[in-house]
């Protein structure tokens, strides 16, 4: 009954624009945080079980991770681009137009995912080389990637559905689909890998099967009208004005996720000079930090619809209040996790691969990244605020900086100057510079929210 009420346009509008943000954002964020943690858990689970094989197999999961981020680039860019527009349309009570936007993004994700599947399968070996695979990692990477590519269409479309559910304020529905798939993946990984003797290929098959189940659950919300939006195949058309709005709002995510994918490729390629242990160690650290940052991303995505609804409704003071509440809360939680990660770094790395060299390399990198981790709260919330109040240019600058404009040059320069240590400290340096940039970019916008 409660979900039905919340799907009523008037009730949703009232709630988003009048309920205290200290209650509203956590209510929206908790299901979203779980969804983000569960999404990160897919890779964590595979890394954990594949680590039981050998170091090269662990490295292979890191190589294919950059391929999975490409799939995420497609889904999240279309999802956030349409979701931002949908939130504003629902705020303006234009539900029919919002459903058309959702339908367009959904089918576009399916088509682009299918293109990636076809191209990736044809050029599988050179693709794995480009992503940073060494000779010893290559066989494992190919075995893993060829199955992941098969799931690209519905994996990308799942991101679109999940983000749009969050944008309409129905984050719980999105969490149900994502969480169901992740729980299934945890059960299937050891079954396929060890009981059925499929090795690393079994981990990939478990992942794409679990993702497909999650896709079906998410789709059922739209088909059975539990969502305020509808997926209408007959209304899908190539509307340039609609695509322009989706692209405009989704561009920061495209750059952020694209930069993350490129950064992962550069990281793997640079680490490959120091052997499979370096790729494995840095890959494990990437998963851990991604898992921790998922909490902040989830909280931020609970903030986003609040920012969009209230900005459109003229309640800019609530956007300002919501921003600082989200930053403070996020910084506290990230600081707690940073301390834990810093203190127990070797033990954490050892959970995934009990190789002394992998542990040594990974523990130092994890401690370095823990130092800058709390800064991510301000960076992420600033980025999301700009994106959802119609300032994509500033969001794009921040999105490009942390994983692109700062990180990639840093890792290339520092690896030459300091070798492996340079690789291990590059992300912390990039976070510090991006934080300073975020402070500069948000100053005038935050002031204007109180003046208008």
Protein backbone atom coordinates (compact mmCIF):
# COMPACT_ATOMS: atom_id res chain seq x y z
CA UNK A 1 0.00 0.00 0.00
CA UNK A 2 2.82 2.36 0.88
CA UNK A 3 4.57 1.84 -2.47
CA UNK A 4 1.31 2.51 -4.28
CA UNK A 5 0.85 5.80 -2.45
CA UNK A 6 4.41 6.89 -3.15
CA UNK A 7 3.84 6.26 -6.85
CA UNK A 8 1.03 8.84 -6.89
CA UNK A 9 2.48 11.96 -8.61
CA UNK A 10 0.99 14.49 -6.17
CA UNK A 11 2.08 12.60 -3.07
CA UNK A 12 5.57 12.12 -4.45
CA UNK A 13 5.85 15.83 -5.27
CA UNK A 14 4.67 16.79 -1.79
CA UNK A 15 7.09 14.42 -0.11
CA UNK A 16 10.10 15.50 -2.16
CA UNK A 17 9.52 19.21 -1.61
CA UNK A 18 8.33 19.36 2.01
CA UNK A 19 9.69 16.42 4.02
CA UNK A 20 12.83 17.31 6.06
CA UNK A 21 15.93 16.45 4.04
CA UNK A 22 17.51 14.79 7.09
CA UNK A 23 14.74 12.17 6.89
CA UNK A 24 14.07 12.19 3.13
CA UNK A 25 17.63 11.64 1.87
CA UNK A 26 18.40 8.65 4.16
CA UNK A 27 15.03 7.10 3.26
CA UNK A 28 15.88 7.36 -0.44
CA UNK A 29 19.56 6.57 0.07
CA UNK A 30 19.42 3.37 2.12
CA UNK A 31 17.92 1.23 -0.66
CA UNK A 32 20.25 2.95 -3.14
CA UNK A 33 23.31 2.32 -0.99
CA UNK A 34 22.36 -1.34 -0.82
CA UNK A 35 21.93 -1.38 -4.61
CA UNK A 36 25.35 0.21 -5.14
CA UNK A 37 27.03 -2.10 -2.64
CA UNK A 38 25.41 -5.07 -4.28
CA UNK A 39 26.56 -3.90 -7.74
CA UNK A 40 30.12 -3.60 -6.42
CA UNK A 41 29.66 -6.98 -4.75
CA UNK A 42 29.41 -8.68 -8.15
CA UNK A 43 33.06 -7.88 -8.80
CA UNK A 44 34.13 -8.45 -5.20
CA UNK A 45 32.64 -11.95 -5.18
CA UNK A 46 34.28 -12.89 -8.48
CA UNK A 47 37.62 -11.52 -7.28
CA UNK A 48 37.34 -13.48 -4.03
CA UNK A 49 36.56 -16.85 -5.62
CA UNK A 50 38.86 -16.39 -8.63
CA UNK A 51 41.65 -15.60 -6.16
CA UNK A 52 41.43 -19.24 -5.10
CA UNK A 53 42.80 -20.23 -8.56
CA UNK A 54 46.04 -18.25 -8.92
CA UNK A 55 47.51 -14.74 -9.22
CA UNK A 56 47.14 -14.58 -13.02
CA UNK A 57 43.42 -15.38 -12.73
CA UNK A 58 43.05 -12.62 -10.12
CA UNK A 59 44.74 -10.24 -12.55
CA UNK A 60 42.34 -11.34 -15.30
CA UNK A 61 39.33 -10.17 -13.28
CA UNK A 62 41.06 -6.79 -13.04
CA UNK A 63 41.60 -6.71 -16.80
CA UNK A 64 37.98 -7.56 -17.57
CA UNK A 65 36.79 -5.04 -14.97
CA UNK A 66 37.63 -2.26 -17.43
CA UNK A 67 35.38 -4.01 -19.98
CA UNK A 68 32.58 -4.13 -17.42
CA UNK A 69 33.05 -0.41 -16.79
CA UNK A 70 32.49 0.16 -20.52
CA UNK A 71 29.14 -1.62 -20.17
CA UNK A 72 28.48 0.56 -17.15
CA UNK A 73 29.42 3.66 -19.16
CA UNK A 74 26.61 2.86 -21.61
CA UNK A 75 24.01 2.04 -18.96
CA UNK A 76 24.84 4.74 -16.43
CA UNK A 77 25.21 7.52 -19.01
CA UNK A 78 21.80 6.77 -20.49
CA UNK A 79 20.38 6.05 -17.04
CA UNK A 80 21.56 9.24 -15.37
CA UNK A 81 20.89 11.30 -18.50
CA UNK A 82 17.30 10.07 -18.67
CA UNK A 83 16.92 9.93 -14.88
CA UNK A 84 17.89 13.57 -14.42
CA UNK A 85 15.39 14.56 -17.10
CA UNK A 86 12.74 12.23 -15.66
CA UNK A 87 13.14 13.70 -12.15
CA UNK A 88 12.67 17.21 -13.51
CA UNK A 89 9.67 16.14 -15.63
CA UNK A 90 8.02 14.42 -12.66
CA UNK A 91 8.74 17.53 -10.59
CA UNK A 92 6.87 19.48 -13.26
CA UNK A 93 4.10 16.79 -13.30
CA UNK A 94 4.77 15.69 -16.91
CA UNK A 95 4.55 11.91 -16.39
CA UNK A 96 3.82 10.97 -20.03
CA UNK A 97 6.91 12.73 -21.29
CA UNK A 98 8.92 11.09 -18.49
CA UNK A 99 7.84 7.60 -19.66
CA UNK A 100 8.85 8.41 -23.22
CA UNK A 101 12.30 9.45 -22.00
CA UNK A 102 12.67 6.21 -20.03
CA UNK A 103 11.57 4.08 -23.02
CA UNK A 104 14.07 5.75 -25.32
CA UNK A 105 16.97 5.28 -22.91
CA UNK A 106 16.06 1.63 -22.26
CA UNK A 107 16.01 0.51 -25.89
CA UNK A 108 19.06 2.58 -26.76
CA UNK A 109 21.00 0.78 -24.01
CA UNK A 110 19.92 -2.61 -25.39
CA UNK A 111 21.09 -1.72 -28.89
CA UNK A 112 24.42 -0.25 -27.83
CA UNK A 113 25.05 -3.22 -25.54
CA UNK A 114 24.41 -5.58 -28.45
CA UNK A 115 26.90 -3.67 -30.61
CA UNK A 116 29.51 -4.03 -27.86
CA UNK A 117 28.80 -7.78 -27.66
CA UNK A 118 29.31 -8.33 -31.38
CA UNK A 119 32.45 -6.17 -31.70
CA UNK A 120 33.96 -7.54 -28.49
CA UNK A 121 33.47 -11.19 -29.43
CA UNK A 122 34.98 -10.66 -32.89
CA UNK A 123 38.06 -8.85 -31.57
CA UNK A 124 38.37 -10.60 -28.21
CA UNK A 125 42.14 -11.25 -28.18
CA UNK A 126 43.27 -7.77 -29.29
CA UNK A 127 40.69 -6.25 -26.94
CA UNK A 128 42.17 -8.06 -23.95
CA UNK A 129 45.65 -6.91 -25.03
CA UNK A 130 44.51 -3.31 -25.24
CA UNK A 131 42.97 -3.59 -21.76
CA UNK A 132 46.41 -4.46 -20.34
CA UNK A 133 46.55 -8.25 -20.35
CA UNK A 134 49.96 -9.95 -20.09
CA UNK A 135 50.77 -13.24 -21.84
CA UNK A 136 50.09 -15.23 -18.68
CA UNK A 137 46.85 -13.40 -17.87
CA UNK A 138 45.47 -13.50 -21.44
CA UNK A 139 43.97 -17.04 -21.41
CA UNK A 140 42.10 -16.34 -18.17
CA UNK A 141 40.96 -12.90 -19.37
CA UNK A 142 39.56 -14.33 -22.61
CA UNK A 143 37.72 -17.12 -20.79
CA UNK A 144 36.13 -14.58 -18.46
CA UNK A 145 35.40 -11.82 -20.98
CA UNK A 146 33.74 -13.90 -23.70
CA UNK A 147 30.83 -14.65 -21.35
CA UNK A 148 30.63 -11.18 -19.80
CA UNK A 149 30.23 -9.73 -23.29
CA UNK A 150 27.11 -11.86 -23.86
CA UNK A 151 25.40 -10.07 -20.99
CA UNK A 152 26.27 -6.54 -22.17
CA UNK A 153 22.81 -5.63 -23.62
CA UNK A 154 20.70 -6.46 -20.57
CA UNK A 155 23.41 -5.38 -18.10
CA UNK A 156 23.41 -1.90 -19.70
CA UNK A 157 19.59 -1.78 -19.75
CA UNK A 158 19.48 -2.77 -16.06
CA UNK A 159 21.48 0.32 -15.14
CA UNK A 160 18.94 2.47 -17.01
CA UNK A 161 15.97 0.92 -15.19
CA UNK A 162 17.63 1.09 -11.78
CA UNK A 163 18.65 4.75 -12.09
CA UNK A 164 15.19 5.78 -13.29
CA UNK A 165 13.54 4.00 -10.39
CA UNK A 166 15.77 6.01 -8.05
CA UNK A 167 15.00 9.23 -9.94
CA UNK A 168 11.28 8.82 -9.39
CA UNK A 169 11.83 8.16 -5.67
CA UNK A 170 11.29 4.37 -5.86
CA UNK A 171 14.80 3.31 -4.87
CA UNK A 172 13.49 0.28 -2.95
CA UNK A 173 12.19 -1.31 -6.16
CA UNK A 174 15.57 -0.87 -7.81
CA UNK A 175 17.31 -2.41 -4.82
CA UNK A 176 15.14 -5.54 -4.99
CA UNK A 177 16.24 -6.33 -8.54
CA UNK A 178 19.92 -5.64 -8.04
CA UNK A 179 20.13 -7.38 -4.65
CA UNK A 180 18.41 -10.52 -5.91
CA UNK A 181 20.97 -10.91 -8.67
CA UNK A 182 23.92 -10.39 -6.34
CA UNK A 183 22.73 -12.93 -3.79
CA UNK A 184 22.28 -15.44 -6.58
CA UNK A 185 25.78 -14.67 -7.87
CA UNK A 186 27.32 -15.42 -4.47
CA UNK A 187 25.65 -18.83 -4.49
CA UNK A 188 26.45 -19.69 -8.11
CA UNK A 189 30.12 -18.65 -8.21
CA UNK A 190 31.53 -21.56 -6.15
CA UNK A 191 29.00 -23.96 -7.70
CA UNK A 192 30.00 -23.23 -11.29
CA UNK A 193 33.71 -22.73 -10.59
CA UNK A 194 34.50 -25.64 -8.30
CA UNK A 195 31.61 -28.10 -8.20
CA UNK A 196 31.11 -28.05 -11.98
CA UNK A 197 34.85 -27.52 -12.57
CA UNK A 198 34.41 -24.56 -14.93
CA UNK A 199 37.10 -22.39 -13.35
CA UNK A 200 37.16 -18.69 -14.21
CA UNK A 201 34.60 -19.19 -16.99
CA UNK A 202 32.19 -20.43 -14.31
CA UNK A 203 32.57 -17.13 -12.44
CA UNK A 204 31.64 -15.22 -15.59
CA UNK A 205 28.64 -17.45 -16.35
CA UNK A 206 27.41 -17.08 -12.77
CA UNK A 207 27.69 -13.30 -13.11
CA UNK A 208 25.78 -12.95 -16.38
CA UNK A 209 23.07 -15.40 -15.29
CA UNK A 210 22.61 -13.52 -12.01
CA UNK A 211 22.55 -10.19 -13.84
CA UNK A 212 19.84 -11.54 -16.17
CA UNK A 213 17.67 -12.53 -13.23
CA UNK A 214 18.12 -9.02 -11.81
CA UNK A 215 17.21 -7.56 -15.22
CA UNK A 216 13.94 -9.51 -15.30
CA UNK A 217 13.00 -8.38 -11.80
CA UNK A 218 13.67 -4.72 -12.66
CA UNK A 219 11.70 -5.03 -15.89
CA UNK A 220 8.75 -6.53 -14.00
CA UNK A 221 8.38 -3.31 -11.98
CA UNK A 222 7.65 -1.39 -15.17
CA UNK A 223 5.48 -4.07 -16.77
CA UNK A 224 3.36 -4.60 -13.64
CA UNK A 225 3.01 -0.82 -13.08
CA UNK A 226 4.80 -0.67 -9.75
CA UNK A 227 6.80 2.21 -11.21
CA UNK A 228 5.38 5.63 -12.07
CA UNK A 229 7.06 5.21 -15.48
CA UNK A 230 6.11 2.92 -18.36
CA UNK A 231 8.28 1.23 -20.99
CA UNK A 232 6.29 1.59 -24.21
CA UNK A 233 7.98 -0.11 -27.20
CA UNK A 234 5.45 1.36 -29.68
CA UNK A 235 6.33 4.91 -28.61
CA UNK A 236 10.07 4.50 -29.10
CA UNK A 237 11.39 6.80 -31.80
CA UNK A 238 14.59 8.60 -32.72
CA UNK A 239 13.72 12.04 -31.34
CA UNK A 240 16.76 14.30 -31.67
CA UNK A 241 15.51 16.82 -29.07
CA UNK A 242 14.94 14.05 -26.55
CA UNK A 243 18.36 12.51 -27.18
CA UNK A 244 19.94 15.95 -26.86
CA UNK A 245 18.44 16.40 -23.39
CA UNK A 246 19.46 12.90 -22.31
CA UNK A 247 22.96 13.44 -23.68
CA UNK A 248 23.26 16.85 -22.06
CA UNK A 249 22.37 15.52 -18.61
CA UNK A 250 24.23 12.25 -19.06
CA UNK A 251 27.42 13.75 -20.47
CA UNK A 252 29.11 14.17 -17.06
CA UNK A 253 28.42 10.51 -16.27
CA UNK A 254 29.68 9.50 -19.72
CA UNK A 255 32.92 11.32 -19.07
CA UNK A 256 33.20 10.16 -15.46
CA UNK A 257 32.53 6.50 -16.22
CA UNK A 258 34.50 6.67 -19.46
CA UNK A 259 37.43 8.24 -17.65
CA UNK A 260 37.21 5.51 -15.01
CA UNK A 261 37.34 2.84 -17.71
CA UNK A 262 40.30 4.53 -19.40
CA UNK A 263 42.03 5.01 -16.05
CA UNK A 264 41.63 1.30 -15.28
CA UNK A 265 43.17 0.43 -18.64
CA UNK A 266 46.10 2.80 -18.03
CA UNK A 267 46.52 1.43 -14.50
CA UNK A 268 46.61 -2.17 -15.72
CA UNK A 269 48.93 -1.37 -18.61
CA UNK A 270 51.33 0.53 -16.36
CA UNK A 271 51.24 -2.13 -13.65
CA UNK A 272 51.91 -4.88 -16.22
CA UNK A 273 55.56 -3.75 -16.36
CA UNK A 274 55.88 -5.07 -12.79
CA UNK A 275 54.25 -8.44 -13.51
CA UNK A 276 51.00 -10.22 -12.72
CA UNK A 277 51.41 -9.57 -8.98
CA UNK A 278 51.21 -5.80 -9.56
CA UNK A 279 48.10 -6.09 -11.72
CA UNK A 280 46.50 -8.44 -9.18
CA UNK A 281 47.40 -6.24 -6.20
CA UNK A 282 46.14 -3.02 -7.76
CA UNK A 283 43.01 -4.79 -9.06
CA UNK A 284 42.11 -5.94 -5.55
CA UNK A 285 42.61 -2.40 -4.21
CA UNK A 286 40.42 -1.00 -6.98
CA UNK A 287 37.60 -3.37 -5.96
CA UNK A 288 37.91 -2.47 -2.28
CA UNK A 289 37.88 1.29 -2.86
CA UNK A 290 35.01 0.92 -5.32
CA UNK A 291 33.08 -1.05 -2.72
CA UNK A 292 33.65 1.63 -0.07
CA UNK A 293 32.87 4.48 -2.46
CA UNK A 294 29.65 2.69 -3.40
CA UNK A 295 28.30 3.79 -0.04
CA UNK A 296 28.99 7.42 -0.91
CA UNK A 297 27.65 7.01 -4.44
CA UNK A 298 24.50 5.41 -3.07
CA UNK A 299 24.00 8.20 -0.56
CA UNK A 300 24.61 10.76 -3.30
CA UNK A 301 22.02 9.13 -5.52
CA UNK A 302 19.56 9.48 -2.68
CA UNK A 303 20.43 13.20 -2.69
CA UNK A 304 20.04 13.62 -6.48
CA UNK A 305 16.24 13.41 -6.87
CA UNK A 306 15.84 15.69 -3.85
CA UNK A 307 18.09 18.25 -5.54
CA UNK A 308 16.30 17.96 -8.89
CA UNK A 309 12.74 18.11 -7.52
CA UNK A 310 13.41 21.08 -5.24
CA UNK A 311 15.50 23.03 -7.74
CA UNK A 312 12.70 22.72 -10.31
CA UNK A 313 10.05 23.57 -7.69
CA UNK A 314 11.92 26.75 -6.68
CA UNK A 315 13.00 25.45 -3.25
CA UNK A 316 16.70 26.15 -3.75
CA UNK A 317 17.25 26.58 -0.02
CA UNK A 318 16.42 22.89 0.36
CA UNK A 319 19.03 22.02 -2.27
CA UNK A 320 21.64 23.89 -0.20
CA UNK A 321 20.55 22.17 3.01
CA UNK A 322 20.52 18.75 1.33
CA UNK A 323 24.00 19.30 -0.11
CA UNK A 324 25.67 20.01 3.23
CA UNK A 325 23.78 17.26 5.04
CA UNK A 326 24.98 14.76 2.41
CA UNK A 327 28.59 15.97 2.52
CA UNK A 328 28.81 15.84 6.33
CA UNK A 329 27.20 12.42 6.58
CA UNK A 330 29.31 10.99 3.76
CA UNK A 331 32.57 12.34 5.16
CA UNK A 332 31.92 10.75 8.55
CA UNK A 333 31.22 7.33 7.10
CA UNK A 334 34.13 7.43 4.66
CA UNK A 335 36.49 8.45 7.47
CA UNK A 336 35.43 5.39 9.49
CA UNK A 337 36.05 3.07 6.55
CA UNK A 338 39.34 4.80 5.76
CA UNK A 339 40.64 4.10 9.27
CA UNK A 340 39.57 0.45 9.06
CA UNK A 341 41.14 0.00 5.62
CA UNK A 342 44.34 1.70 6.71
CA UNK A 343 44.77 -0.32 9.89
CA UNK A 344 43.93 -3.73 8.45
CA UNK A 345 45.17 -3.33 4.87
CA UNK A 346 47.32 -6.52 4.68
CA UNK A 347 44.59 -8.72 6.14
CA UNK A 348 42.00 -7.25 3.75
CA UNK A 349 44.18 -7.87 0.68
CA UNK A 350 44.98 -11.38 1.90
CA UNK A 351 41.25 -12.23 1.83
CA UNK A 352 41.33 -11.98 -1.94
CA UNK A 353 44.77 -13.35 -2.80
CA UNK A 354 47.15 -14.84 -0.25
CA UNK A 355 50.30 -14.12 -2.24
CA UNK A 356 53.00 -12.25 -0.26
CA UNK A 357 53.88 -9.94 -3.17
CA UNK A 358 50.25 -9.21 -3.99
CA UNK A 359 49.63 -8.42 -0.30
CA UNK A 360 52.70 -6.16 -0.08
CA UNK A 361 51.79 -4.17 -3.20
CA UNK A 362 48.09 -4.00 -2.44
CA UNK A 363 48.38 -3.07 1.24
CA UNK A 364 50.55 -0.01 0.58
CA UNK A 365 48.27 1.19 -2.24
CA UNK A 366 45.18 0.70 -0.05
CA UNK A 367 46.71 2.72 2.79
CA UNK A 368 47.62 5.55 0.42
CA UNK A 369 44.10 5.71 -1.00
CA UNK A 370 42.58 5.57 2.49
CA UNK A 371 44.25 8.89 3.31
CA UNK A 372 42.29 10.74 0.62
CA UNK A 373 39.10 8.67 0.84
CA UNK A 374 37.08 11.12 3.04
CA UNK A 375 37.56 13.83 0.40
CA UNK A 376 35.38 11.80 -1.96
CA UNK A 377 32.27 12.92 -0.04
CA UNK A 378 32.60 16.53 -1.19
CA UNK A 379 33.72 15.57 -4.70
CA UNK A 380 30.87 13.12 -5.33
CA UNK A 381 28.07 15.25 -3.88
CA UNK A 382 29.30 18.33 -5.77
CA UNK A 383 29.33 16.37 -9.01
CA UNK A 384 25.84 15.01 -8.43
CA UNK A 385 24.42 18.40 -7.46
CA UNK A 386 25.69 20.02 -10.64
CA UNK A 387 24.35 17.16 -12.72
CA UNK A 388 20.84 17.25 -11.30
CA UNK A 389 20.29 21.01 -11.14
CA UNK A 390 21.12 21.48 -14.81
CA UNK A 391 24.81 22.49 -14.64
CA UNK A 392 26.38 19.58 -16.57
CA UNK A 393 29.46 21.56 -17.62
CA UNK A 394 30.72 21.86 -14.05
CA UNK A 395 29.79 18.27 -13.30
CA UNK A 396 31.75 17.21 -16.36
CA UNK A 397 34.87 19.06 -15.22
CA UNK A 398 34.77 17.28 -11.85
CA UNK A 399 33.98 13.96 -13.47
CA UNK A 400 36.94 14.25 -15.81
CA UNK A 401 39.38 15.39 -13.15
CA UNK A 402 39.44 12.57 -10.61
CA UNK A 403 39.84 9.69 -13.05
CA UNK A 404 41.00 11.51 -16.17
CA UNK A 405 42.58 14.94 -16.28
CA UNK A 406 44.48 14.45 -13.02
CA UNK A 407 44.76 10.70 -12.41
CA UNK A 408 45.97 9.52 -15.83
CA UNK A 409 48.76 12.12 -16.16
CA UNK A 410 49.69 11.44 -12.51
CA UNK A 411 50.04 7.70 -12.96
CA UNK A 412 52.02 8.10 -16.18
CA UNK A 413 54.36 10.69 -14.64
CA UNK A 414 54.72 9.16 -11.17
CA UNK A 415 55.34 5.67 -12.55
CA UNK A 416 58.29 7.07 -14.50
CA UNK A 417 59.62 9.04 -11.53
CA UNK A 418 58.96 6.60 -8.68
CA UNK A 419 58.27 3.25 -10.35
CA UNK A 420 55.68 1.02 -8.70
CA UNK A 421 55.38 3.41 -5.74
CA UNK A 422 54.27 6.11 -8.17
CA UNK A 423 51.43 3.90 -9.34
CA UNK A 424 50.38 3.22 -5.76
CA UNK A 425 50.15 6.91 -4.76
CA UNK A 426 48.62 8.33 -7.95
CA UNK A 427 44.94 7.99 -6.97
CA UNK A 428 45.43 9.74 -3.61
CA UNK A 429 47.15 12.65 -5.36
CA UNK A 430 44.33 12.87 -7.94
CA UNK A 431 41.71 12.93 -5.16
CA UNK A 432 43.46 15.83 -3.40
CA UNK A 433 43.68 17.97 -6.54
CA UNK A 434 40.05 17.20 -7.49
CA UNK A 435 38.87 18.16 -4.01
CA UNK A 436 40.48 21.59 -4.32
CA UNK A 437 38.85 22.00 -7.73
CA UNK A 438 35.45 21.01 -6.31
CA UNK A 439 35.74 23.67 -3.61
CA UNK A 440 36.38 26.31 -6.25
CA UNK A 441 33.53 25.21 -8.52
CA UNK A 442 30.84 24.92 -5.84
CA UNK A 443 31.51 28.20 -4.05
CA UNK A 444 29.41 30.48 -6.28
CA UNK A 445 26.65 27.90 -6.84
CA UNK A 446 26.14 27.27 -3.13
CA UNK A 447 26.02 30.99 -2.46
CA UNK A 448 23.45 31.51 -5.23
CA UNK A 449 21.16 28.82 -3.80
CA UNK A 450 20.67 30.95 -0.68
CA UNK A 451 20.32 34.25 -2.54
CA UNK A 452 17.57 33.20 -4.95
